Amino acid sequence: DYDLLKWAWLSWRNASGKKMKDLYAQWVSLMNEGAKEHGHADKGVIWRSAYEIPGDKLEELVDGVWEQVKPLYTQLHAYVRRKLAEKYGEDKVPTTGMIPAHLLGNMWAQHWQWIYGITVPFPGQPEIDVTNAMEDQGYDP
């Protein structure tokens, strides 16, 4: 139910987001202060160090990967948006632009498994296991 999902998402954001905004800013400040006490510019430097790639190279690497996957992501996003528009109507899910976050299954819109039933490309067909084909190409399972 589109309206129920929107109500739940907005209610949660209004109840928690506004209350947490200042606390989050304070948390970031404390994390950065602690990082500086240990000789780092900020907490982000510490987080990025886990990747064992120099900071200036990490951003370049991520940008390069993004450029490689962006065409697929753009097509995937358009497909999902179209499927959601078919279910809820184009008046609620425009066929261009952003996907309404409250439809994606969790409060942060980061997991899309909850909409699989709406977006499955070939409903009623068995899933395809590509493990053998990938192993033949040298990929590890």
N, C-alpha and C. Protein backbone atom coordinates (compact mmCIF):
# COMPACT_ATOMS: atom_id res chain seq x y z
N ASP A 1 0.84 -1.18 0.00
CA ASP A 1 0.00 0.00 0.00
C ASP A 1 0.89 1.25 0.00
N TYR A 2 0.85 1.99 -1.07
CA TYR A 2 1.70 3.17 -1.26
C TYR A 2 1.55 4.16 -0.11
N ASP A 3 0.31 4.50 0.22
CA ASP A 3 0.08 5.52 1.25
C ASP A 3 0.54 5.06 2.63
N LEU A 4 0.36 3.79 2.95
CA LEU A 4 0.82 3.28 4.23
C LEU A 4 2.35 3.29 4.31
N LEU A 5 3.01 2.88 3.24
CA LEU A 5 4.47 2.92 3.21
C LEU A 5 4.98 4.34 3.36
N LYS A 6 4.34 5.27 2.68
CA LYS A 6 4.76 6.68 2.77
C LYS A 6 4.54 7.21 4.19
N TRP A 7 3.41 6.89 4.78
CA TRP A 7 3.12 7.34 6.15
C TRP A 7 4.17 6.79 7.12
N ALA A 8 4.48 5.50 7.03
CA ALA A 8 5.46 4.90 7.94
C ALA A 8 6.83 5.53 7.76
N TRP A 9 7.24 5.73 6.51
CA TRP A 9 8.57 6.30 6.24
C TRP A 9 8.65 7.72 6.76
N LEU A 10 7.65 8.54 6.43
CA LEU A 10 7.66 9.94 6.89
C LEU A 10 7.56 10.04 8.40
N SER A 11 6.73 9.21 9.02
CA SER A 11 6.58 9.25 10.48
C SER A 11 7.89 8.91 11.16
N TRP A 12 8.57 7.89 10.67
CA TRP A 12 9.86 7.52 11.27
C TRP A 12 10.87 8.63 11.09
N ARG A 13 10.97 9.19 9.89
CA ARG A 13 11.94 10.26 9.62
C ARG A 13 11.64 11.49 10.48
N ASN A 14 10.37 11.84 10.58
CA ASN A 14 10.00 13.02 11.38
C ASN A 14 10.25 12.79 12.86
N ALA A 15 10.03 11.57 13.32
CA ALA A 15 10.22 11.28 14.75
C ALA A 15 11.68 11.14 15.12
N SER A 16 12.48 10.59 14.23
CA SER A 16 13.88 10.33 14.60
C SER A 16 14.87 11.32 13.98
N GLY A 17 14.67 11.67 12.74
CA GLY A 17 15.64 12.50 12.04
C GLY A 17 15.88 13.84 12.68
N LYS A 18 14.83 14.54 13.00
CA LYS A 18 14.96 15.86 13.60
C LYS A 18 15.62 15.78 14.98
N LYS A 19 15.29 14.74 15.73
CA LYS A 19 15.88 14.57 17.06
C LYS A 19 17.36 14.21 16.99
N MET A 20 17.73 13.48 15.96
CA MET A 20 19.10 12.98 15.85
C MET A 20 20.05 13.95 15.15
N LYS A 21 19.52 14.92 14.43
CA LYS A 21 20.36 15.79 13.61
C LYS A 21 21.48 16.44 14.42
N ASP A 22 21.15 17.11 15.51
CA ASP A 22 22.17 17.79 16.31
C ASP A 22 23.08 16.79 17.01
N LEU A 23 22.51 15.67 17.47
CA LEU A 23 23.34 14.64 18.12
C LEU A 23 24.33 14.04 17.12
N TYR A 24 23.89 13.85 15.90
CA TYR A 24 24.77 13.30 14.87
C TYR A 24 25.92 14.27 14.58
N ALA A 25 25.60 15.55 14.47
CA ALA A 25 26.65 16.55 14.23
C ALA A 25 27.65 16.55 15.39
N GLN A 26 27.15 16.40 16.60
CA GLN A 26 28.03 16.34 17.77
C GLN A 26 28.90 15.08 17.71
N TRP A 27 28.32 13.96 17.32
CA TRP A 27 29.06 12.70 17.20
C TRP A 27 30.19 12.84 16.18
N VAL A 28 29.89 13.44 15.02
CA VAL A 28 30.90 13.64 13.99
C VAL A 28 32.03 14.50 14.53
N SER A 29 31.68 15.54 15.23
CA SER A 29 32.69 16.43 15.81
C SER A 29 33.58 15.68 16.80
N LEU A 30 32.98 14.87 17.65
CA LEU A 30 33.76 14.08 18.62
C LEU A 30 34.66 13.06 17.93
N MET A 31 34.15 12.41 16.90
CA MET A 31 34.96 11.44 16.16
C MET A 31 36.16 12.13 15.51
N ASN A 32 35.93 13.29 14.93
CA ASN A 32 37.03 14.03 14.30
C ASN A 32 38.03 14.54 15.33
N GLU A 33 37.54 14.96 16.47
CA GLU A 33 38.43 15.41 17.55
C GLU A 33 39.33 14.26 18.00
N GLY A 34 38.75 13.09 18.18
CA GLY A 34 39.54 11.92 18.57
C GLY A 34 40.58 11.56 17.52
N ALA A 35 40.20 11.65 16.25
CA ALA A 35 41.14 11.35 15.17
C ALA A 35 42.30 12.33 15.19
N LYS A 36 42.01 13.60 15.41
CA LYS A 36 43.07 14.62 15.44
C LYS A 36 44.02 14.38 16.61
N GLU A 37 43.49 13.92 17.73
CA GLU A 37 44.34 13.61 18.89
C GLU A 37 45.33 12.49 18.59
N HIS A 38 45.00 11.68 17.58
CA HIS A 38 45.88 10.59 17.18
C HIS A 38 46.64 10.90 15.89
N GLY A 39 46.67 12.18 15.53
CA GLY A 39 47.50 12.61 14.41
C GLY A 39 46.87 12.51 13.03
N HIS A 40 45.56 12.35 12.95
CA HIS A 40 44.87 12.25 11.66
C HIS A 40 44.08 13.52 11.40
N ALA A 41 43.85 13.83 10.14
CA ALA A 41 43.10 15.04 9.79
C ALA A 41 41.65 14.95 10.25
N ASP A 42 41.06 13.77 10.12
CA ASP A 42 39.68 13.56 10.55
C ASP A 42 39.40 12.05 10.60
N LYS A 43 38.22 11.68 11.04
CA LYS A 43 37.87 10.26 11.17
C LYS A 43 37.81 9.57 9.80
N GLY A 44 37.48 10.32 8.75
CA GLY A 44 37.43 9.74 7.41
C GLY A 44 38.78 9.17 6.98
N VAL A 45 39.86 9.82 7.39
CA VAL A 45 41.21 9.32 7.06
C VAL A 45 41.41 7.94 7.68
N ILE A 46 40.96 7.77 8.90
CA ILE A 46 41.09 6.47 9.59
C ILE A 46 40.25 5.41 8.86
N TRP A 47 39.01 5.73 8.54
CA TRP A 47 38.15 4.77 7.84
C TRP A 47 38.75 4.38 6.50
N ARG A 48 39.24 5.35 5.75
CA ARG A 48 39.80 5.04 4.43
C ARG A 48 41.09 4.25 4.52
N SER A 49 41.81 4.38 5.63
CA SER A 49 43.09 3.66 5.77
C SER A 49 42.89 2.15 5.79
N ALA A 50 41.70 1.69 6.13
CA ALA A 50 41.42 0.25 6.15
C ALA A 50 41.56 -0.37 4.77
N TYR A 51 41.45 0.45 3.72
CA TYR A 51 41.54 -0.06 2.35
C TYR A 51 42.98 -0.17 1.86
N GLU A 52 43.93 0.30 2.64
CA GLU A 52 45.36 0.21 2.32
C GLU A 52 45.68 0.79 0.94
N ILE A 53 44.97 1.84 0.59
CA ILE A 53 45.19 2.58 -0.65
C ILE A 53 45.38 4.04 -0.25
N PRO A 54 46.41 4.71 -0.73
CA PRO A 54 46.58 6.12 -0.37
C PRO A 54 45.30 6.91 -0.65
N GLY A 55 44.96 7.83 0.26
CA GLY A 55 43.70 8.58 0.18
C GLY A 55 43.42 9.21 -1.17
N ASP A 56 44.43 9.80 -1.81
CA ASP A 56 44.20 10.44 -3.10
C ASP A 56 43.93 9.41 -4.19
N LYS A 57 44.46 8.21 -4.03
CA LYS A 57 44.24 7.15 -5.04
C LYS A 57 42.90 6.46 -4.84
N LEU A 58 42.42 6.40 -3.60
CA LEU A 58 41.15 5.74 -3.33
C LEU A 58 40.01 6.45 -4.04
N GLU A 59 39.98 7.77 -3.95
CA GLU A 59 38.92 8.52 -4.62
C GLU A 59 38.98 8.31 -6.14
N GLU A 60 40.18 8.30 -6.68
CA GLU A 60 40.36 8.07 -8.11
C GLU A 60 39.87 6.67 -8.49
N LEU A 61 40.20 5.68 -7.66
CA LEU A 61 39.77 4.30 -7.91
C LEU A 61 38.25 4.19 -7.87
N VAL A 62 37.64 4.77 -6.84
CA VAL A 62 36.19 4.71 -6.70
C VAL A 62 35.51 5.42 -7.87
N ASP A 63 36.02 6.57 -8.27
CA ASP A 63 35.45 7.28 -9.41
C ASP A 63 35.54 6.43 -10.68
N GLY A 64 36.65 5.73 -10.86
CA GLY A 64 36.81 4.87 -12.03
C GLY A 64 35.83 3.70 -12.03
N VAL A 65 35.65 3.08 -10.88
CA VAL A 65 34.69 1.97 -10.77
C VAL A 65 33.28 2.49 -11.03
N TRP A 66 32.96 3.65 -10.46
CA TRP A 66 31.63 4.22 -10.67
C TRP A 66 31.37 4.45 -12.17
N GLU A 67 32.33 4.98 -12.88
CA GLU A 67 32.15 5.21 -14.31
C GLU A 67 31.92 3.90 -15.06
N GLN A 68 32.51 2.81 -14.57
CA GLN A 68 32.31 1.51 -15.22
C GLN A 68 30.92 0.96 -14.96
N VAL A 69 30.41 1.11 -13.75
CA VAL A 69 29.11 0.52 -13.41
C VAL A 69 27.94 1.46 -13.63
N LYS A 70 28.21 2.73 -13.86
CA LYS A 70 27.13 3.72 -14.00
C LYS A 70 26.12 3.36 -15.09
N PRO A 71 26.54 2.91 -16.29
CA PRO A 71 25.53 2.55 -17.30
C PRO A 71 24.60 1.43 -16.83
N LEU A 72 25.14 0.41 -16.18
CA LEU A 72 24.30 -0.66 -15.66
C LEU A 72 23.38 -0.15 -14.56
N TYR A 73 23.93 0.66 -13.66
CA TYR A 73 23.13 1.22 -12.57
C TYR A 73 21.98 2.07 -13.13
N THR A 74 22.27 2.87 -14.13
CA THR A 74 21.25 3.74 -14.73
C THR A 74 20.12 2.90 -15.33
N GLN A 75 20.49 1.81 -16.02
CA GLN A 75 19.47 0.93 -16.61
C GLN A 75 18.68 0.20 -15.52
N LEU A 76 19.36 -0.28 -14.51
CA LEU A 76 18.70 -0.97 -13.40
C LEU A 76 17.72 -0.03 -12.70
N HIS A 77 18.16 1.19 -12.44
CA HIS A 77 17.33 2.19 -11.78
C HIS A 77 16.08 2.47 -12.62
N ALA A 78 16.25 2.62 -13.93
CA ALA A 78 15.12 2.89 -14.82
C ALA A 78 14.14 1.72 -14.83
N TYR A 79 14.68 0.50 -14.85
CA TYR A 79 13.83 -0.69 -14.85
C TYR A 79 12.99 -0.76 -13.57
N VAL A 80 13.65 -0.57 -12.43
CA VAL A 80 12.95 -0.63 -11.14
C VAL A 80 11.91 0.48 -11.06
N ARG A 81 12.27 1.67 -11.49
CA ARG A 81 11.34 2.80 -11.47
C ARG A 81 10.10 2.48 -12.33
N ARG A 82 10.33 1.88 -13.50
CA ARG A 82 9.20 1.53 -14.38
C ARG A 82 8.30 0.49 -13.74
N LYS A 83 8.90 -0.54 -13.13
CA LYS A 83 8.10 -1.58 -12.48
C LYS A 83 7.29 -1.00 -11.32
N LEU A 84 7.90 -0.10 -10.55
CA LEU A 84 7.17 0.53 -9.45
C LEU A 84 6.06 1.44 -9.98
N ALA A 85 6.31 2.12 -11.10
CA ALA A 85 5.28 2.96 -11.71
C ALA A 85 4.11 2.11 -12.20
N GLU A 86 4.41 0.93 -12.72
CA GLU A 86 3.35 0.02 -13.16
C GLU A 86 2.49 -0.41 -11.98
N LYS A 87 3.11 -0.63 -10.83
CA LYS A 87 2.37 -1.08 -9.65
C LYS A 87 1.59 0.05 -8.99
N TYR A 88 2.24 1.19 -8.79
CA TYR A 88 1.65 2.27 -8.00
C TYR A 88 1.08 3.42 -8.84
N GLY A 89 1.43 3.46 -10.12
CA GLY A 89 0.96 4.53 -10.99
C GLY A 89 2.02 5.59 -11.20
N GLU A 90 2.04 6.14 -12.41
CA GLU A 90 3.04 7.16 -12.74
C GLU A 90 2.82 8.46 -11.98
N ASP A 91 1.61 8.66 -11.44
CA ASP A 91 1.37 9.85 -10.64
C ASP A 91 2.12 9.77 -9.30
N LYS A 92 2.45 8.54 -8.87
CA LYS A 92 3.18 8.35 -7.61
C LYS A 92 4.65 8.00 -7.82
N VAL A 93 4.94 7.36 -8.93
CA VAL A 93 6.33 7.00 -9.26
C VAL A 93 6.61 7.49 -10.68
N PRO A 94 7.21 8.67 -10.80
CA PRO A 94 7.50 9.20 -12.13
C PRO A 94 8.46 8.26 -12.88
N THR A 95 8.34 8.22 -14.19
CA THR A 95 9.19 7.32 -14.97
C THR A 95 10.59 7.89 -15.19
N THR A 96 10.84 9.10 -14.72
CA THR A 96 12.18 9.67 -14.72
C THR A 96 12.46 10.23 -13.33
N GLY A 97 13.73 10.39 -13.02
CA GLY A 97 14.09 10.98 -11.73
C GLY A 97 14.30 9.94 -10.65
N MET A 98 14.11 10.38 -9.43
CA MET A 98 14.40 9.56 -8.26
C MET A 98 13.25 8.57 -7.98
N ILE A 99 13.62 7.45 -7.39
CA ILE A 99 12.64 6.48 -6.92
C ILE A 99 12.22 6.91 -5.51
N PRO A 100 10.92 6.99 -5.23
CA PRO A 100 10.51 7.35 -3.87
C PRO A 100 11.08 6.35 -2.85
N ALA A 101 11.83 6.86 -1.91
CA ALA A 101 12.57 6.01 -0.97
C ALA A 101 11.65 5.11 -0.16
N HIS A 102 10.45 5.56 0.14
CA HIS A 102 9.58 4.76 1.00
C HIS A 102 9.10 3.48 0.34
N LEU A 103 9.35 3.32 -0.95
CA LEU A 103 8.91 2.11 -1.64
C LEU A 103 9.98 1.02 -1.67
N LEU A 104 11.17 1.30 -1.19
CA LEU A 104 12.29 0.37 -1.37
C LEU A 104 12.50 -0.61 -0.23
N GLY A 105 11.67 -0.59 0.77
CA GLY A 105 11.68 -1.69 1.72
C GLY A 105 12.32 -1.46 3.07
N ASN A 106 13.13 -0.43 3.24
CA ASN A 106 13.60 -0.11 4.57
C ASN A 106 13.76 1.40 4.69
N MET A 107 13.98 1.87 5.89
CA MET A 107 13.96 3.30 6.15
C MET A 107 15.06 4.07 5.44
N TRP A 108 16.12 3.40 5.06
CA TRP A 108 17.25 4.08 4.43
C TRP A 108 17.30 3.85 2.92
N ALA A 109 16.37 3.09 2.40
CA ALA A 109 16.26 2.80 0.96
C ALA A 109 17.53 2.15 0.41
N GLN A 110 18.22 1.39 1.25
CA GLN A 110 19.48 0.79 0.83
C GLN A 110 19.35 -0.68 0.45
N HIS A 111 18.26 -1.31 0.81
CA HIS A 111 18.05 -2.71 0.46
C HIS A 111 16.83 -2.80 -0.45
N TRP A 112 17.01 -3.46 -1.57
CA TRP A 112 15.92 -3.56 -2.53
C TRP A 112 15.30 -4.95 -2.57
N GLN A 113 15.71 -5.85 -1.68
CA GLN A 113 15.17 -7.21 -1.75
C GLN A 113 13.67 -7.25 -1.47
N TRP A 114 13.14 -6.25 -0.78
CA TRP A 114 11.72 -6.26 -0.47
C TRP A 114 10.85 -5.99 -1.69
N ILE A 115 11.44 -5.46 -2.75
CA ILE A 115 10.66 -5.19 -3.96
C ILE A 115 10.94 -6.22 -5.05
N TYR A 116 11.64 -7.27 -4.71
CA TYR A 116 11.97 -8.29 -5.71
C TYR A 116 10.71 -8.85 -6.37
N GLY A 117 9.68 -9.10 -5.60
CA GLY A 117 8.44 -9.63 -6.15
C GLY A 117 7.81 -8.72 -7.19
N ILE A 118 8.06 -7.42 -7.06
CA ILE A 118 7.53 -6.45 -8.03
C ILE A 118 8.45 -6.35 -9.24
N THR A 119 9.74 -6.51 -9.02
CA THR A 119 10.72 -6.22 -10.08
C THR A 119 11.32 -7.45 -10.74
N VAL A 120 10.98 -8.64 -10.29
CA VAL A 120 11.57 -9.84 -10.88
C VAL A 120 11.36 -9.80 -12.39
N PRO A 121 12.43 -9.98 -13.17
CA PRO A 121 12.32 -9.78 -14.62
C PRO A 121 11.46 -10.82 -15.34
N PHE A 122 11.46 -12.04 -14.89
CA PHE A 122 10.69 -13.08 -15.56
C PHE A 122 9.88 -13.86 -14.52
N PRO A 123 8.76 -13.29 -14.07
CA PRO A 123 7.97 -13.94 -13.03
C PRO A 123 7.56 -15.36 -13.43
N GLY A 124 7.63 -16.26 -12.48
CA GLY A 124 7.21 -17.63 -12.73
C GLY A 124 8.25 -18.50 -13.40
N GLN A 125 9.38 -17.94 -13.78
CA GLN A 125 10.44 -18.72 -14.41
C GLN A 125 11.48 -19.11 -13.37
N PRO A 126 12.14 -20.26 -13.56
CA PRO A 126 13.17 -20.65 -12.59
C PRO A 126 14.35 -19.68 -12.63
N GLU A 127 14.99 -19.52 -11.49
CA GLU A 127 16.16 -18.67 -11.43
C GLU A 127 17.31 -19.33 -12.18
N ILE A 128 18.19 -18.52 -12.72
CA ILE A 128 19.33 -19.02 -13.48
C ILE A 128 20.55 -19.04 -12.57
N ASP A 129 21.21 -20.17 -12.49
CA ASP A 129 22.44 -20.29 -11.70
C ASP A 129 23.63 -20.14 -12.65
N VAL A 130 24.35 -19.06 -12.50
CA VAL A 130 25.48 -18.77 -13.40
C VAL A 130 26.82 -19.17 -12.78
N THR A 131 26.79 -19.93 -11.67
CA THR A 131 28.02 -20.30 -10.98
C THR A 131 29.00 -21.02 -11.89
N ASN A 132 28.53 -22.05 -12.60
CA ASN A 132 29.43 -22.82 -13.46
C ASN A 132 30.05 -21.95 -14.56
N ALA A 133 29.26 -21.10 -15.16
CA ALA A 133 29.78 -20.22 -16.22
C ALA A 133 30.83 -19.28 -15.67
N MET A 134 30.61 -18.78 -14.46
CA MET A 134 31.58 -17.87 -13.86
C MET A 134 32.88 -18.61 -13.48
N GLU A 135 32.71 -19.82 -12.95
CA GLU A 135 33.91 -20.62 -12.63
C GLU A 135 34.72 -20.93 -13.88
N ASP A 136 34.01 -21.22 -14.98
CA ASP A 136 34.70 -21.48 -16.25
C ASP A 136 35.50 -20.27 -16.72
N GLN A 137 35.09 -19.08 -16.32
CA GLN A 137 35.77 -17.85 -16.70
C GLN A 137 36.85 -17.45 -15.66
N GLY A 138 37.03 -18.30 -14.66
CA GLY A 138 38.10 -18.05 -13.69
C GLY A 138 37.66 -17.32 -12.43
N TYR A 139 36.36 -17.12 -12.24
CA TYR A 139 35.88 -16.46 -11.03
C TYR A 139 35.77 -17.48 -9.90
N ASP A 140 35.99 -17.02 -8.67
CA ASP A 140 35.82 -17.86 -7.50
C ASP A 140 34.37 -17.72 -7.01
N PRO A 141 33.79 -18.83 -6.55
CA PRO A 141 32.41 -18.73 -6.03
C PRO A 141 32.35 -17.94 -4.73
